Amino acid sequence: MAYQTPVLEHGSTRHGRWLRANRLKIALWIAFVEGLLVVFDVIDVLPALLIAGLVVIAYFWLSPRLRPGLARDALWTGAVSQAGVALVPVLVLVVGTLALIAVGVLAAVVLVVLITGRR
């Protein structure tokens, strides 16, 4: 029976391995909290989108120049979280539009019922 030990990347640190294992969870939590702040107007939408765009551009510009490790994973985490935040205004727009459509359909149904109702 062979014993298996985890394979460690050469030059990796304990913190780097922890971030690598948890970076998606961290990015999603950051996007969730920042998204709530955007939805409730604690953070303005335009600056949030501008910063999100800059972070994503920085990731695509810097990541090929960085060696795999803590800095690259931290940059990836920031880019993914900001991409998630950039989706929040789109989601609010879609949900708001659907709500307006639902109200319009409901008003039309009520109008038809009132017009065709018994006298």
PDB file of N, CA and C in Angstrom:
ATOM      1  N   MET A   1       0.847  -1.181   0.000  1.00  0.00           N
ATOM      2  CA  MET A   1       0.000   0.000   0.000  1.00  0.00           C
ATOM      3  C   MET A   1       0.892   1.244   0.000  1.00  0.00           C
ATOM      4  N   ALA A   2       0.632   2.144  -0.926  1.00  0.00           N
ATOM      5  CA  ALA A   2       1.439   3.357  -1.055  1.00  0.00           C
ATOM      6  C   ALA A   2       0.786   4.490  -0.274  1.00  0.00           C
ATOM      7  N   TYR A   3       1.617   5.257   0.358  1.00  0.00           N
ATOM      8  CA  TYR A   3       1.124   6.429   1.078  1.00  0.00           C
ATOM      9  C   TYR A   3       1.202   7.636   0.149  1.00  0.00           C
ATOM     10  N   GLN A   4       0.171   8.443   0.204  1.00  0.00           N
ATOM     11  CA  GLN A   4       0.157   9.627  -0.648  1.00  0.00           C
ATOM     12  C   GLN A   4       0.355  10.857   0.216  1.00  0.00           C
ATOM     13  N   THR A   5       1.208  11.716  -0.240  1.00  0.00           N
ATOM     14  CA  THR A   5       1.409  12.995   0.437  1.00  0.00           C
ATOM     15  C   THR A   5       1.010  14.093  -0.528  1.00  0.00           C
ATOM     16  N   PRO A   6       0.502  15.199  -0.007  1.00  0.00           N
ATOM     17  CA  PRO A   6       0.113  16.280  -0.915  1.00  0.00           C
ATOM     18  C   PRO A   6       1.330  16.850  -1.632  1.00  0.00           C
ATOM     19  N   VAL A   7       1.135  17.196  -2.886  1.00  0.00           N
ATOM     20  CA  VAL A   7       2.214  17.765  -3.684  1.00  0.00           C
ATOM     21  C   VAL A   7       2.227  19.269  -3.462  1.00  0.00           C
ATOM     22  N   LEU A   8       3.371  19.805  -3.110  1.00  0.00           N
ATOM     23  CA  LEU A   8       3.525  21.240  -2.905  1.00  0.00           C
ATOM     24  C   LEU A   8       4.233  21.843  -4.101  1.00  0.00           C
ATOM     25  N   GLU A   9       3.725  22.985  -4.539  1.00  0.00           N
ATOM     26  CA  GLU A   9       4.389  23.677  -5.636  1.00  0.00           C
ATOM     27  C   GLU A   9       5.707  24.246  -5.140  1.00  0.00           C
ATOM     28  N   HIS A  10       6.705  24.174  -5.988  1.00  0.00           N
ATOM     29  CA  HIS A  10       8.016  24.701  -5.635  1.00  0.00           C
ATOM     30  C   HIS A  10       7.921  26.205  -5.388  1.00  0.00           C
ATOM     31  N   GLY A  11       8.454  26.654  -4.295  1.00  0.00           N
ATOM     32  CA  GLY A  11       8.474  28.080  -3.989  1.00  0.00           C
ATOM     33  C   GLY A  11       7.175  28.606  -3.408  1.00  0.00           C
ATOM     34  N   SER A  12       6.208  27.746  -3.152  1.00  0.00           N
ATOM     35  CA  SER A  12       4.951  28.242  -2.597  1.00  0.00           C
ATOM     36  C   SER A  12       5.079  28.401  -1.081  1.00  0.00           C
ATOM     37  N   THR A  13       4.278  29.315  -0.567  1.00  0.00           N
ATOM     38  CA  THR A  13       4.267  29.544   0.873  1.00  0.00           C
ATOM     39  C   THR A  13       2.962  29.019   1.451  1.00  0.00           C
ATOM     40  N   ARG A  14       2.918  28.922   2.765  1.00  0.00           N
ATOM     41  CA  ARG A  14       1.700  28.453   3.425  1.00  0.00           C
ATOM     42  C   ARG A  14       0.550  29.408   3.138  1.00  0.00           C
ATOM     43  N   HIS A  15       0.800  30.715   3.182  1.00  0.00           N
ATOM     44  CA  HIS A  15      -0.245  31.705   2.901  1.00  0.00           C
ATOM     45  C   HIS A  15      -0.678  31.649   1.437  1.00  0.00           C
ATOM     46  N   GLY A  16       0.278  31.455   0.554  1.00  0.00           N
ATOM     47  CA  GLY A  16      -0.040  31.347  -0.862  1.00  0.00           C
ATOM     48  C   GLY A  16      -0.906  30.127  -1.160  1.00  0.00           C
ATOM     49  N   ARG A  17      -0.579  28.997  -0.518  1.00  0.00           N
ATOM     50  CA  ARG A  17      -1.391  27.791  -0.713  1.00  0.00           C
ATOM     51  C   ARG A  17      -2.790  27.975  -0.137  1.00  0.00           C
ATOM     52  N   TRP A  18      -2.897  28.662   1.000  1.00  0.00           N
ATOM     53  CA  TRP A  18      -4.218  28.917   1.595  1.00  0.00           C
ATOM     54  C   TRP A  18      -5.059  29.803   0.677  1.00  0.00           C
ATOM     55  N   LEU A  19      -4.442  30.874   0.162  1.00  0.00           N
ATOM     56  CA  LEU A  19      -5.164  31.762  -0.746  1.00  0.00           C
ATOM     57  C   LEU A  19      -5.580  31.017  -2.007  1.00  0.00           C
ATOM     58  N   ARG A  20      -4.710  30.200  -2.538  1.00  0.00           N
ATOM     59  CA  ARG A  20      -5.025  29.436  -3.747  1.00  0.00           C
ATOM     60  C   ARG A  20      -6.229  28.525  -3.513  1.00  0.00           C
ATOM     61  N   ALA A  21      -6.308  27.930  -2.334  1.00  0.00           N
ATOM     62  CA  ALA A  21      -7.408  27.014  -2.022  1.00  0.00           C
ATOM     63  C   ALA A  21      -8.715  27.748  -1.766  1.00  0.00           C
ATOM     64  N   ASN A  22      -8.640  28.991  -1.318  1.00  0.00           N
ATOM     65  CA  ASN A  22      -9.844  29.719  -0.899  1.00  0.00           C
ATOM     66  C   ASN A  22     -10.153  30.958  -1.729  1.00  0.00           C
ATOM     67  N   ARG A  23      -9.462  31.167  -2.818  1.00  0.00           N
ATOM     68  CA  ARG A  23      -9.600  32.430  -3.542  1.00  0.00           C
ATOM     69  C   ARG A  23     -10.982  32.637  -4.149  1.00  0.00           C
ATOM     70  N   LEU A  24     -11.641  31.597  -4.611  1.00  0.00           N
ATOM     71  CA  LEU A  24     -12.978  31.763  -5.177  1.00  0.00           C
ATOM     72  C   LEU A  24     -13.984  32.154  -4.102  1.00  0.00           C
ATOM     73  N   LYS A  25     -13.904  31.499  -2.939  1.00  0.00           N
ATOM     74  CA  LYS A  25     -14.811  31.859  -1.835  1.00  0.00           C
ATOM     75  C   LYS A  25     -14.598  33.303  -1.404  1.00  0.00           C
ATOM     76  N   ILE A  26     -13.345  33.703  -1.300  1.00  0.00           N
ATOM     77  CA  ILE A  26     -13.035  35.079  -0.899  1.00  0.00           C
ATOM     78  C   ILE A  26     -13.575  36.062  -1.931  1.00  0.00           C
ATOM     79  N   ALA A  27     -13.362  35.767  -3.212  1.00  0.00           N
ATOM     80  CA  ALA A  27     -13.829  36.665  -4.280  1.00  0.00           C
ATOM     81  C   ALA A  27     -15.348  36.785  -4.263  1.00  0.00           C
ATOM     82  N   LEU A  28     -16.041  35.675  -4.055  1.00  0.00           N
ATOM     83  CA  LEU A  28     -17.507  35.718  -4.037  1.00  0.00           C
ATOM     84  C   LEU A  28     -18.022  36.500  -2.827  1.00  0.00           C
ATOM     85  N   TRP A  29     -17.395  36.353  -1.675  1.00  0.00           N
ATOM     86  CA  TRP A  29     -17.820  37.119  -0.494  1.00  0.00           C
ATOM     87  C   TRP A  29     -17.564  38.617  -0.689  1.00  0.00           C
ATOM     88  N   ILE A  30     -16.420  38.955  -1.257  1.00  0.00           N
ATOM     89  CA  ILE A  30     -16.130  40.370  -1.519  1.00  0.00           C
ATOM     90  C   ILE A  30     -17.160  40.938  -2.495  1.00  0.00           C
ATOM     91  N   ALA A  31     -17.446  40.200  -3.563  1.00  0.00           N
ATOM     92  CA  ALA A  31     -18.435  40.654  -4.551  1.00  0.00           C
ATOM     93  C   ALA A  31     -19.810  40.785  -3.915  1.00  0.00           C
ATOM     94  N   PHE A  32     -20.178  39.860  -3.047  1.00  0.00           N
ATOM     95  CA  PHE A  32     -21.476  39.903  -2.384  1.00  0.00           C
ATOM     96  C   PHE A  32     -21.606  41.143  -1.497  1.00  0.00           C
ATOM     97  N   VAL A  33     -20.610  41.374  -0.649  1.00  0.00           N
ATOM     98  CA  VAL A  33     -20.662  42.525   0.267  1.00  0.00           C
ATOM     99  C   VAL A  33     -20.612  43.833  -0.507  1.00  0.00           C
ATOM    100  N   GLU A  34     -19.702  43.932  -1.465  1.00  0.00           N
ATOM    101  CA  GLU A  34     -19.601  45.164  -2.248  1.00  0.00           C
ATOM    102  C   GLU A  34     -20.845  45.369  -3.115  1.00  0.00           C
ATOM    103  N   GLY A  35     -21.402  44.272  -3.619  1.00  0.00           N
ATOM    104  CA  GLY A  35     -22.641  44.360  -4.392  1.00  0.00           C
ATOM    105  C   GLY A  35     -23.790  44.897  -3.551  1.00  0.00           C
ATOM    106  N   LEU A  36     -23.892  44.444  -2.304  1.00  0.00           N
ATOM    107  CA  LEU A  36     -24.919  44.985  -1.407  1.00  0.00           C
ATOM    108  C   LEU A  36     -24.711  46.472  -1.168  1.00  0.00           C
ATOM    109  N   LEU A  37     -23.460  46.878  -0.999  1.00  0.00           N
ATOM    110  CA  LEU A  37     -23.178  48.301  -0.794  1.00  0.00           C
ATOM    111  C   LEU A  37     -23.559  49.123  -2.021  1.00  0.00           C
ATOM    112  N   VAL A  38     -23.389  48.551  -3.212  1.00  0.00           N
ATOM    113  CA  VAL A  38     -23.785  49.245  -4.440  1.00  0.00           C
ATOM    114  C   VAL A  38     -25.304  49.315  -4.535  1.00  0.00           C
ATOM    115  N   VAL A  39     -25.985  48.198  -4.244  1.00  0.00           N
ATOM    116  CA  VAL A  39     -27.448  48.156  -4.345  1.00  0.00           C
ATOM    117  C   VAL A  39     -28.097  49.148  -3.398  1.00  0.00           C
ATOM    118  N   PHE A  40     -27.562  49.261  -2.182  1.00  0.00           N
ATOM    119  CA  PHE A  40     -28.151  50.161  -1.196  1.00  0.00           C
ATOM    120  C   PHE A  40     -27.541  51.560  -1.233  1.00  0.00           C
ATOM    121  N   ASP A  41     -26.865  51.913  -2.317  1.00  0.00           N
ATOM    122  CA  ASP A  41     -26.310  53.248  -2.576  1.00  0.00           C
ATOM    123  C   ASP A  41     -25.326  53.735  -1.515  1.00  0.00           C
ATOM    124  N   VAL A  42     -24.653  52.811  -0.846  1.00  0.00           N
ATOM    125  CA  VAL A  42     -23.561  53.212   0.033  1.00  0.00           C
ATOM    126  C   VAL A  42     -22.347  53.558  -0.821  1.00  0.00           C
ATOM    127  N   ILE A  43     -22.185  52.800  -1.901  1.00  0.00           N
ATOM    128  CA  ILE A  43     -21.141  53.070  -2.895  1.00  0.00           C
ATOM    129  C   ILE A  43     -21.850  53.429  -4.190  1.00  0.00           C
ATOM    130  N   ASP A  44     -21.424  54.524  -4.826  1.00  0.00           N
ATOM    131  CA  ASP A  44     -22.017  54.922  -6.107  1.00  0.00           C
ATOM    132  C   ASP A  44     -21.669  53.901  -7.192  1.00  0.00           C
ATOM    133  N   VAL A  45     -22.575  53.741  -8.143  1.00  0.00           N
ATOM    134  CA  VAL A  45     -22.412  52.736  -9.193  1.00  0.00           C
ATOM    135  C   VAL A  45     -21.246  53.067 -10.121  1.00  0.00           C
ATOM    136  N   LEU A  46     -21.147  54.310 -10.575  1.00  0.00           N
ATOM    137  CA  LEU A  46     -20.105  54.656 -11.547  1.00  0.00           C
ATOM    138  C   LEU A  46     -18.689  54.472 -11.012  1.00  0.00           C
ATOM    139  N   PRO A  47     -18.374  54.962  -9.791  1.00  0.00           N
ATOM    140  CA  PRO A  47     -17.026  54.689  -9.274  1.00  0.00           C
ATOM    141  C   PRO A  47     -16.771  53.195  -9.065  1.00  0.00           C
ATOM    142  N   ALA A  48     -17.798  52.464  -8.646  1.00  0.00           N
ATOM    143  CA  ALA A  48     -17.624  51.017  -8.456  1.00  0.00           C
ATOM    144  C   ALA A  48     -17.316  50.336  -9.782  1.00  0.00           C
ATOM    145  N   LEU A  49     -18.021  50.745 -10.840  1.00  0.00           N
ATOM    146  CA  LEU A  49     -17.762  50.160 -12.160  1.00  0.00           C
ATOM    147  C   LEU A  49     -16.393  50.568 -12.697  1.00  0.00           C
ATOM    148  N   LEU A  50     -15.996  51.810 -12.449  1.00  0.00           N
ATOM    149  CA  LEU A  50     -14.690  52.277 -12.891  1.00  0.00           C
ATOM    150  C   LEU A  50     -13.571  51.495 -12.207  1.00  0.00           C
ATOM    151  N   ILE A  51     -13.676  51.335 -10.899  1.00  0.00           N
ATOM    152  CA  ILE A  51     -12.664  50.588 -10.153  1.00  0.00           C
ATOM    153  C   ILE A  51     -12.658  49.127 -10.589  1.00  0.00           C
ATOM    154  N   ALA A  52     -13.848  48.559 -10.791  1.00  0.00           N
ATOM    155  CA  ALA A  52     -13.935  47.170 -11.250  1.00  0.00           C
ATOM    156  C   ALA A  52     -13.237  47.008 -12.591  1.00  0.00           C
ATOM    157  N   GLY A  53     -13.495  47.926 -13.501  1.00  0.00           N
ATOM    158  CA  GLY A  53     -12.850  47.860 -14.808  1.00  0.00           C
ATOM    159  C   GLY A  53     -11.340  47.979 -14.710  1.00  0.00           C
ATOM    160  N   LEU A  54     -10.864  48.891 -13.874  1.00  0.00           N
ATOM    161  CA  LEU A  54      -9.415  49.060 -13.709  1.00  0.00           C
ATOM    162  C   LEU A  54      -8.760  47.822 -13.115  1.00  0.00           C
ATOM    163  N   VAL A  55      -9.410  47.198 -12.144  1.00  0.00           N
ATOM    164  CA  VAL A  55      -8.840  45.997 -11.525  1.00  0.00           C
ATOM    165  C   VAL A  55      -8.799  44.842 -12.527  1.00  0.00           C
ATOM    166  N   VAL A  56      -9.855  44.676 -13.303  1.00  0.00           N
ATOM    167  CA  VAL A  56      -9.873  43.599 -14.299  1.00  0.00           C
ATOM    168  C   VAL A  56      -8.812  43.856 -15.380  1.00  0.00           C
ATOM    169  N   ILE A  57      -8.695  45.098 -15.828  1.00  0.00           N
ATOM    170  CA  ILE A  57      -7.659  45.436 -16.814  1.00  0.00           C
ATOM    171  C   ILE A  57      -6.267  45.188 -16.228  1.00  0.00           C
ATOM    172  N   ALA A  58      -6.069  45.575 -14.971  1.00  0.00           N
ATOM    173  CA  ALA A  58      -4.785  45.339 -14.302  1.00  0.00           C
ATOM    174  C   ALA A  58      -4.471  43.853 -14.237  1.00  0.00           C
ATOM    175  N   TYR A  59      -5.483  43.041 -13.986  1.00  0.00           N
ATOM    176  CA  TYR A  59      -5.248  41.595 -13.947  1.00  0.00           C
ATOM    177  C   TYR A  59      -4.760  41.090 -15.300  1.00  0.00           C
ATOM    178  N   PHE A  60      -5.458  41.466 -16.377  1.00  0.00           N
ATOM    179  CA  PHE A  60      -5.062  40.979 -17.693  1.00  0.00           C
ATOM    180  C   PHE A  60      -3.718  41.545 -18.140  1.00  0.00           C
ATOM    181  N   TRP A  61      -3.369  42.721 -17.654  1.00  0.00           N
ATOM    182  CA  TRP A  61      -2.096  43.335 -18.026  1.00  0.00           C
ATOM    183  C   TRP A  61      -0.937  42.760 -17.209  1.00  0.00           C
ATOM    184  N   LEU A  62      -1.171  42.568 -15.888  1.00  0.00           N
ATOM    185  CA  LEU A  62      -0.083  42.152 -15.007  1.00  0.00           C
ATOM    186  C   LEU A  62       0.079  40.640 -14.867  1.00  0.00           C
ATOM    187  N   SER A  63      -0.995  39.891 -14.992  1.00  0.00           N
ATOM    188  CA  SER A  63      -0.900  38.462 -14.676  1.00  0.00           C
ATOM    189  C   SER A  63       0.096  37.695 -15.542  1.00  0.00           C
ATOM    190  N   PRO A  64       0.256  38.010 -16.838  1.00  0.00           N
ATOM    191  CA  PRO A  64       1.296  37.282 -17.585  1.00  0.00           C
ATOM    192  C   PRO A  64       2.716  37.605 -17.110  1.00  0.00           C
ATOM    193  N   ARG A  65       2.879  38.754 -16.467  1.00  0.00           N
ATOM    194  CA  ARG A  65       4.204  39.174 -16.012  1.00  0.00           C
ATOM    195  C   ARG A  65       4.545  38.616 -14.629  1.00  0.00           C
ATOM    196  N   LEU A  66       3.542  38.099 -13.922  1.00  0.00           N
ATOM    197  CA  LEU A  66       3.755  37.586 -12.569  1.00  0.00           C
ATOM    198  C   LEU A  66       3.965  36.083 -12.591  1.00  0.00           C
ATOM    199  N   ARG A  67       4.846  35.624 -11.712  1.00  0.00           N
ATOM    200  CA  ARG A  67       5.008  34.182 -11.560  1.00  0.00           C
ATOM    201  C   ARG A  67       3.838  33.660 -10.734  1.00  0.00           C
ATOM    202  N   PRO A  68       3.490  32.395 -10.914  1.00  0.00           N
ATOM    203  CA  PRO A  68       2.427  31.830 -10.072  1.00  0.00           C
ATOM    204  C   PRO A  68       2.809  31.964  -8.604  1.00  0.00           C
ATOM    205  N   GLY A  69       1.837  32.381  -7.812  1.00  0.00           N
ATOM    206  CA  GLY A  69       2.095  32.559  -6.395  1.00  0.00           C
ATOM    207  C   GLY A  69       1.085  33.489  -5.764  1.00  0.00           C
ATOM    208  N   LEU A  70       1.467  34.002  -4.612  1.00  0.00           N
ATOM    209  CA  LEU A  70       0.568  34.807  -3.799  1.00  0.00           C
ATOM    210  C   LEU A  70       0.088  36.062  -4.530  1.00  0.00           C
ATOM    211  N   ALA A  71       0.989  36.797  -5.163  1.00  0.00           N
ATOM    212  CA  ALA A  71       0.599  38.049  -5.824  1.00  0.00           C
ATOM    213  C   ALA A  71      -0.367  37.787  -6.981  1.00  0.00           C
ATOM    214  N   ARG A  72      -0.096  36.771  -7.767  1.00  0.00           N
ATOM    215  CA  ARG A  72      -0.970  36.458  -8.900  1.00  0.00           C
ATOM    216  C   ARG A  72      -2.339  35.992  -8.417  1.00  0.00           C
ATOM    217  N   ASP A  73      -2.373  35.170  -7.363  1.00  0.00           N
ATOM    218  CA  ASP A  73      -3.656  34.704  -6.819  1.00  0.00           C
ATOM    219  C   ASP A  73      -4.435  35.850  -6.184  1.00  0.00           C
ATOM    220  N   ALA A  74      -3.747  36.776  -5.529  1.00  0.00           N
ATOM    221  CA  ALA A  74      -4.430  37.934  -4.940  1.00  0.00           C
ATOM    222  C   ALA A  74      -5.015  38.813  -6.038  1.00  0.00           C
ATOM    223  N   LEU A  75      -4.274  38.994  -7.109  1.00  0.00           N
ATOM    224  CA  LEU A  75      -4.765  39.785  -8.240  1.00  0.00           C
ATOM    225  C   LEU A  75      -5.961  39.099  -8.897  1.00  0.00           C
ATOM    226  N   TRP A  76      -5.907  37.774  -9.035  1.00  0.00           N
ATOM    227  CA  TRP A  76      -7.031  37.009  -9.591  1.00  0.00           C
ATOM    228  C   TRP A  76      -8.265  37.168  -8.706  1.00  0.00           C
ATOM    229  N   THR A  77      -8.079  37.071  -7.403  1.00  0.00           N
ATOM    230  CA  THR A  77      -9.195  37.215  -6.456  1.00  0.00           C
ATOM    231  C   THR A  77      -9.837  38.582  -6.596  1.00  0.00           C
ATOM    232  N   GLY A  78      -9.022  39.618  -6.679  1.00  0.00           N
ATOM    233  CA  GLY A  78      -9.553  40.967  -6.852  1.00  0.00           C
ATOM    234  C   GLY A  78     -10.289  41.133  -8.168  1.00  0.00           C
ATOM    235  N   ALA A  79      -9.753  40.574  -9.244  1.00  0.00           N
ATOM    236  CA  ALA A  79     -10.392  40.709 -10.558  1.00  0.00           C
ATOM    237  C   ALA A  79     -11.730  39.976 -10.602  1.00  0.00           C
ATOM    238  N   VAL A  80     -11.783  38.781 -10.041  1.00  0.00           N
ATOM    239  CA  VAL A  80     -13.037  38.028 -10.046  1.00  0.00           C
ATOM    240  C   VAL A  80     -14.087  38.724  -9.182  1.00  0.00           C
ATOM    241  N   SER A  81     -13.675  39.226  -8.028  1.00  0.00           N
ATOM    242  CA  SER A  81     -14.648  39.912  -7.169  1.00  0.00           C
ATOM    243  C   SER A  81     -15.171  41.177  -7.843  1.00  0.00           C
ATOM    244  N   GLN A  82     -14.317  41.909  -8.526  1.00  0.00           N
ATOM    245  CA  GLN A  82     -14.760  43.133  -9.191  1.00  0.00           C
ATOM    246  C   GLN A  82     -15.608  42.832 -10.422  1.00  0.00           C
ATOM    247  N   ALA A  83     -15.326  41.739 -11.105  1.00  0.00           N
ATOM    248  CA  ALA A  83     -16.192  41.335 -12.219  1.00  0.00           C
ATOM    249  C   ALA A  83     -17.588  40.998 -11.694  1.00  0.00           C
ATOM    250  N   GLY A  84     -17.648  40.376 -10.526  1.00  0.00           N
ATOM    251  CA  GLY A  84     -18.944  40.096  -9.903  1.00  0.00           C
ATOM    252  C   GLY A  84     -19.679  41.363  -9.526  1.00  0.00           C
ATOM    253  N   VAL A  85     -18.942  42.336  -9.008  1.00  0.00           N
ATOM    254  CA  VAL A  85     -19.551  43.617  -8.642  1.00  0.00           C
ATOM    255  C   VAL A  85     -20.071  44.332  -9.891  1.00  0.00           C
ATOM    256  N   ALA A  86     -19.370  44.219 -10.998  1.00  0.00           N
ATOM    257  CA  ALA A  86     -19.812  44.867 -12.238  1.00  0.00           C
ATOM    258  C   ALA A  86     -21.117  44.259 -12.743  1.00  0.00           C
ATOM    259  N   LEU A  87     -21.394  43.027 -12.376  1.00  0.00           N
ATOM    260  CA  LEU A  87     -22.645  42.389 -12.793  1.00  0.00           C
ATOM    261  C   LEU A  87     -23.849  42.844 -11.962  1.00  0.00           C
ATOM    262  N   VAL A  88     -23.610  43.413 -10.792  1.00  0.00           N
ATOM    263  CA  VAL A  88     -24.714  43.813  -9.905  1.00  0.00           C
ATOM    264  C   VAL A  88     -25.618  44.859 -10.551  1.00  0.00           C
ATOM    265  N   PRO A  89     -25.100  45.957 -11.115  1.00  0.00           N
ATOM    266  CA  PRO A  89     -26.012  46.919 -11.760  1.00  0.00           C
ATOM    267  C   PRO A  89     -26.800  46.304 -12.912  1.00  0.00           C
ATOM    268  N   VAL A  90     -26.186  45.395 -13.644  1.00  0.00           N
ATOM    269  CA  VAL A  90     -26.902  44.722 -14.734  1.00  0.00           C
ATOM    270  C   VAL A  90     -28.045  43.891 -14.159  1.00  0.00           C
ATOM    271  N   LEU A  91     -27.770  43.169 -13.092  1.00  0.00           N
ATOM    272  CA  LEU A  91     -28.801  42.360 -12.448  1.00  0.00           C
ATOM    273  C   LEU A  91     -29.927  43.228 -11.900  1.00  0.00           C
ATOM    274  N   VAL A  92     -29.584  44.350 -11.287  1.00  0.00           N
ATOM    275  CA  VAL A  92     -30.608  45.270 -10.779  1.00  0.00           C
ATOM    276  C   VAL A  92     -31.452  45.806 -11.927  1.00  0.00           C
ATOM    277  N   LEU A  93     -30.829  46.137 -13.042  1.00  0.00           N
ATOM    278  CA  LEU A  93     -31.563  46.628 -14.207  1.00  0.00           C
ATOM    279  C   LEU A  93     -32.517  45.567 -14.748  1.00  0.00           C
ATOM    280  N   VAL A  94     -32.037  44.319 -14.861  1.00  0.00           N
ATOM    281  CA  VAL A  94     -32.878  43.235 -15.379  1.00  0.00           C
ATOM    282  C   VAL A  94     -34.047  42.962 -14.436  1.00  0.00           C
ATOM    283  N   VAL A  95     -33.770  42.862 -13.149  1.00  0.00           N
ATOM    284  CA  VAL A  95     -34.835  42.593 -12.176  1.00  0.00           C
ATOM    285  C   VAL A  95     -35.823  43.756 -12.134  1.00  0.00           C
ATOM    286  N   GLY A  96     -35.337  44.982 -12.181  1.00  0.00           N
ATOM    287  CA  GLY A  96     -36.217  46.148 -12.197  1.00  0.00           C
ATOM    288  C   GLY A  96     -37.093  46.178 -13.439  1.00  0.00           C
ATOM    289  N   THR A  97     -36.520  45.851 -14.577  1.00  0.00           N
ATOM    290  CA  THR A  97     -37.292  45.806 -15.817  1.00  0.00           C
ATOM    291  C   THR A  97     -38.366  44.724 -15.753  1.00  0.00           C
ATOM    292  N   LEU A  98     -38.005  43.550 -15.244  1.00  0.00           N
ATOM    293  CA  LEU A  98     -38.989  42.478 -15.105  1.00  0.00           C
ATOM    294  C   LEU A  98     -40.108  42.870 -14.143  1.00  0.00           C
ATOM    295  N   ALA A  99     -39.768  43.586 -13.074  1.00  0.00           N
ATOM    296  CA  ALA A  99     -40.790  44.040 -12.130  1.00  0.00           C
ATOM    297  C   ALA A  99     -41.733  45.032 -12.806  1.00  0.00           C
ATOM    298  N   LEU A 100     -41.191  45.952 -13.600  1.00  0.00           N
ATOM    299  CA  LEU A 100     -42.046  46.903 -14.313  1.00  0.00           C
ATOM    300  C   LEU A 100     -42.947  46.197 -15.329  1.00  0.00           C
ATOM    301  N   ILE A 101     -42.428  45.209 -16.010  1.00  0.00           N
ATOM    302  CA  ILE A 101     -43.244  44.435 -16.950  1.00  0.00           C
ATOM    303  C   ILE A 101     -44.356  43.711 -16.209  1.00  0.00           C
ATOM    304  N   ALA A 102     -44.037  43.113 -15.070  1.00  0.00           N
ATOM    305  CA  ALA A 102     -45.049  42.403 -14.288  1.00  0.00           C
ATOM    306  C   ALA A 102     -46.139  43.351 -13.811  1.00  0.00           C
ATOM    307  N   VAL A 103     -45.773  44.549 -13.373  1.00  0.00           N
ATOM    308  CA  VAL A 103     -46.765  45.541 -12.945  1.00  0.00           C
ATOM    309  C   VAL A 103     -47.636  45.968 -14.131  1.00  0.00           C
ATOM    310  N   GLY A 104     -47.025  46.156 -15.290  1.00  0.00           N
ATOM    311  CA  GLY A 104     -47.789  46.520 -16.481  1.00  0.00           C
ATOM    312  C   GLY A 104     -48.769  45.429 -16.888  1.00  0.00           C
ATOM    313  N   VAL A 105     -48.339  44.174 -16.866  1.00  0.00           N
ATOM    314  CA  VAL A 105     -49.230  43.059 -17.202  1.00  0.00           C
ATOM    315  C   VAL A 105     -50.358  42.966 -16.183  1.00  0.00           C
ATOM    316  N   LEU A 106     -50.038  43.110 -14.919  1.00  0.00           N
ATOM    317  CA  LEU A 106     -51.060  43.074 -13.865  1.00  0.00           C
ATOM    318  C   LEU A 106     -52.069  44.210 -14.043  1.00  0.00           C
ATOM    319  N   ALA A 107     -51.600  45.395 -14.367  1.00  0.00           N
ATOM    320  CA  ALA A 107     -52.509  46.522 -14.594  1.00  0.00           C
ATOM    321  C   ALA A 107     -53.411  46.259 -15.796  1.00  0.00           C
ATOM    322  N   ALA A 108     -52.865  45.665 -16.854  1.00  0.00           N
ATOM    323  CA  ALA A 108     -53.674  45.349 -18.030  1.00  0.00           C
ATOM    324  C   ALA A 108     -54.735  44.308 -17.698  1.00  0.00           C
ATOM    325  N   VAL A 109     -54.370  43.304 -16.917  1.00  0.00           N
ATOM    326  CA  VAL A 109     -55.342  42.276 -16.513  1.00  0.00           C
ATOM    327  C   VAL A 109     -56.446  42.892 -15.663  1.00  0.00           C
ATOM    328  N   VAL A 110     -56.074  43.745 -14.722  1.00  0.00           N
ATOM    329  CA  VAL A 110     -57.075  44.402 -13.876  1.00  0.00           C
ATOM    330  C   VAL A 110     -57.986  45.282 -14.729  1.00  0.00           C
ATOM    331  N   LEU A 111     -57.439  46.003 -15.696  1.00  0.00           N
ATOM    332  CA  LEU A 111     -58.238  46.848 -16.568  1.00  0.00           C
ATOM    333  C   LEU A 111     -59.225  46.018 -17.394  1.00  0.00           C
ATOM    334  N   VAL A 112     -58.761  44.889 -17.932  1.00  0.00           N
ATOM    335  CA  VAL A 112     -59.642  44.008 -18.700  1.00  0.00           C
ATOM    336  C   VAL A 112     -60.762  43.450 -17.809  1.00  0.00           C
ATOM    337  N   VAL A 113     -60.416  43.053 -16.603  1.00  0.00           N
ATOM    338  CA  VAL A 113     -61.432  42.539 -15.676  1.00  0.00           C
ATOM    339  C   VAL A 113     -62.437  43.616 -15.319  1.00  0.00           C
ATOM    340  N   LEU A 114     -61.966  44.817 -15.090  1.00  0.00           N
ATOM    341  CA  LEU A 114     -62.882  45.917 -14.750  1.00  0.00           C
ATOM    342  C   LEU A 114     -63.791  46.268 -15.919  1.00  0.00           C
ATOM    343  N   ILE A 115     -63.236  46.276 -17.131  1.00  0.00           N
ATOM    344  CA  ILE A 115     -64.038  46.642 -18.285  1.00  0.00           C
ATOM    345  C   ILE A 115     -65.057  45.576 -18.614  1.00  0.00           C
ATOM    346  N   THR A 116     -64.664  44.310 -18.546  1.00  0.00           N
ATOM    347  CA  THR A 116     -65.572  43.225 -18.905  1.00  0.00           C
ATOM    348  C   THR A 116     -66.382  42.699 -17.735  1.00  0.00           C
ATOM    349  N   GLY A 117     -66.222  43.300 -16.594  1.00  0.00           N
ATOM    350  CA  GLY A 117     -66.908  42.818 -15.385  1.00  0.00           C
ATOM    351  C   GLY A 117     -68.397  43.053 -15.434  1.00  0.00           C
ATOM    352  N   ARG A 118     -69.126  42.412 -14.505  1.00  0.00           N
ATOM    353  CA  ARG A 118     -70.584  42.570 -14.427  1.00  0.00           C
ATOM    354  C   ARG A 118     -70.940  43.963 -13.979  1.00  0.00           C
ATOM    355  N   ARG A 119     -72.090  44.408 -14.451  1.00  0.00           N
ATOM    356  CA  ARG A 119     -72.584  45.734 -14.079  1.00  0.00           C
ATOM    357  C   ARG A 119     -73.747  45.632 -13.157  1.00  0.00           C
TER     358      ARG A 119
END
